[in-house]
C-alpha atoms as a PDB file:
ATOM      1  CA  MET A   1      23.821  -7.380  78.738  1.00  0.00           C
ATOM      2  CA  PRO A   2      20.153  -7.449  79.730  1.00  0.00           C
ATOM      3  CA  ALA A   3      18.451  -4.073  79.258  1.00  0.00           C
ATOM      4  CA  TYR A   4      14.820  -2.973  79.437  1.00  0.00           C
ATOM      5  CA  LEU A   5      13.117   0.149  78.060  1.00  0.00           C
ATOM      6  CA  ILE A   6      10.246   1.387  80.226  1.00  0.00           C
ATOM      7  CA  THR A   7       7.786   3.791  78.612  1.00  0.00           C
ATOM      8  CA  ARG A   8       4.848   5.322  80.416  1.00  0.00           C
ATOM      9  CA  PRO A   9       1.675   6.978  79.111  1.00  0.00           C
ATOM     10  CA  ARG A  10       2.387  10.567  78.031  1.00  0.00           C
ATOM     11  CA  ASP A  11      -0.236  11.975  80.407  1.00  0.00           C
ATOM     12  CA  GLN A  12       1.978  10.877  83.314  1.00  0.00           C
ATOM     13  CA  LYS A  13       4.684  13.277  82.076  1.00  0.00           C
ATOM     14  CA  LEU A  14       7.488  10.885  83.001  1.00  0.00           C
ATOM     15  CA  ASP A  15      10.554  10.294  80.847  1.00  0.00           C
ATOM     16  CA  ASP A  16      11.261   6.943  79.247  1.00  0.00           C
ATOM     17  CA  LEU A  17      13.818   4.931  81.171  1.00  0.00           C
ATOM     18  CA  VAL A  18      16.399   2.310  80.192  1.00  0.00           C
ATOM     19  CA  ILE A  19      17.700  -0.009  82.906  1.00  0.00           C
ATOM     20  CA  GLU A  20      20.629  -2.315  82.179  1.00  0.00           C
ATOM     21  CA  ASP A  21      22.787  -4.560  84.302  1.00  0.00           C
ATOM     22  CA  PRO A  22      24.589  -7.863  83.679  1.00  0.00           C
ATOM     23  CA  ALA A  23      22.495  -9.530  86.411  1.00  0.00           C
ATOM     24  CA  LEU A  24      19.165  -7.803  85.617  1.00  0.00           C
ATOM     25  CA  THR A  25      16.006  -9.916  85.772  1.00  0.00           C
ATOM     26  CA  LEU A  26      12.323  -9.149  85.250  1.00  0.00           C
ATOM     27  CA  ARG A  27       9.530 -10.957  87.052  1.00  0.00           C
ATOM     28  CA  PHE A  28       5.795 -10.382  87.456  1.00  0.00           C
ATOM     29  CA  GLU A  29       4.289 -10.827  90.886  1.00  0.00           C
ATOM     30  CA  ALA A  30       0.890  -9.863  92.361  1.00  0.00           C
ATOM     31  CA  GLY A  31       0.209  -7.169  89.756  1.00  0.00           C
ATOM     32  CA  TRP A  32       3.746  -5.747  89.755  1.00  0.00           C
ATOM     33  CA  ALA A  33       6.589  -5.832  87.216  1.00  0.00           C
ATOM     34  CA  ILE A  34       9.774  -6.145  89.260  1.00  0.00           C
ATOM     35  CA  LEU A  35      13.262  -5.500  87.903  1.00  0.00           C
ATOM     36  CA  ALA A  36      16.053  -6.769  90.147  1.00  0.00           C
ATOM     37  CA  ASP A  37      19.784  -7.440  90.124  1.00  0.00           C
ATOM     38  CA  ASP A  38      22.267  -9.063  92.528  1.00  0.00           C
ATOM     39  CA  HIS A  39      21.634  -6.312  95.092  1.00  0.00           C
ATOM     40  CA  GLY A  40      17.839  -6.588  95.090  1.00  0.00           C
ATOM     41  CA  VAL A  41      14.934  -4.722  93.538  1.00  0.00           C
ATOM     42  CA  CYS A  42      15.912  -1.859  91.195  1.00  0.00           C
ATOM     43  CA  LEU A  43      12.423  -0.822  90.107  1.00  0.00           C
ATOM     44  CA  ALA A  44       8.872  -2.044  90.722  1.00  0.00           C
ATOM     45  CA  ILE A  45       5.995  -0.841  88.532  1.00  0.00           C
ATOM     46  CA  PRO A  46       2.320  -1.539  89.313  1.00  0.00           C
ATOM     47  CA  SER A  47       0.373  -3.039  86.412  1.00  0.00           C
ATOM     48  CA  GLY A  48      -2.301  -0.338  86.673  1.00  0.00           C
ATOM     49  CA  GLN A  49       0.200   2.378  85.800  1.00  0.00           C
ATOM     50  CA  GLY A  50       0.007   1.557  82.079  1.00  0.00           C
ATOM     51  CA  ALA A  51       3.757   1.288  81.564  1.00  0.00           C
ATOM     52  CA  SER A  52       5.226  -0.721  78.715  1.00  0.00           C
ATOM     53  CA  ILE A  53       8.388  -2.778  79.266  1.00  0.00           C
ATOM     54  CA  GLN A  54      10.452  -3.919  76.299  1.00  0.00           C
ATOM     55  CA  ARG A  55      13.723  -5.838  76.347  1.00  0.00           C
ATOM     56  CA  VAL A  56      16.330  -3.919  74.339  1.00  0.00           C
ATOM     57  CA  ASP A  57      19.627  -5.758  74.823  1.00  0.00           C
ATOM     58  CA  VAL A  58      22.607  -4.495  72.904  1.00  0.00           C
ATOM     59  CA  GLU A  59      24.765  -7.331  71.667  1.00  0.00           C
ATOM     60  CA  GLU A  60      28.446  -6.871  72.396  1.00  0.00           C
ATOM     61  CA  PRO A  61      30.605  -7.562  69.346  1.00  0.00           C
ATOM     62  CA  ALA A  62      32.557 -10.786  69.543  1.00  0.00           C
ATOM     63  CA  PRO A  63      36.291 -10.332  70.097  1.00  0.00           C
ATOM     64  CA  ARG A  64      38.232 -10.491  66.860  1.00  0.00           C
ATOM     65  CA  GLU A  65      41.071 -12.913  66.513  1.00  0.00           C
ATOM     66  CA  GLU A  66      44.203 -11.405  65.031  1.00  0.00           C
END
């Protein structure tokens, strides 16, 4: 499942955030990082904010055959 970790500079005093969703996408447009899913935009971060975005998917284990 796609997941992204958003970290912001410590001087902004904002907590780190993980966003995950099966339909999550990330795009960059006009100086913005935009995370969206099937319902629309989930989060938009301006490039000047200094945030770091890292993909941190967790692989689901494959089903075991008995």
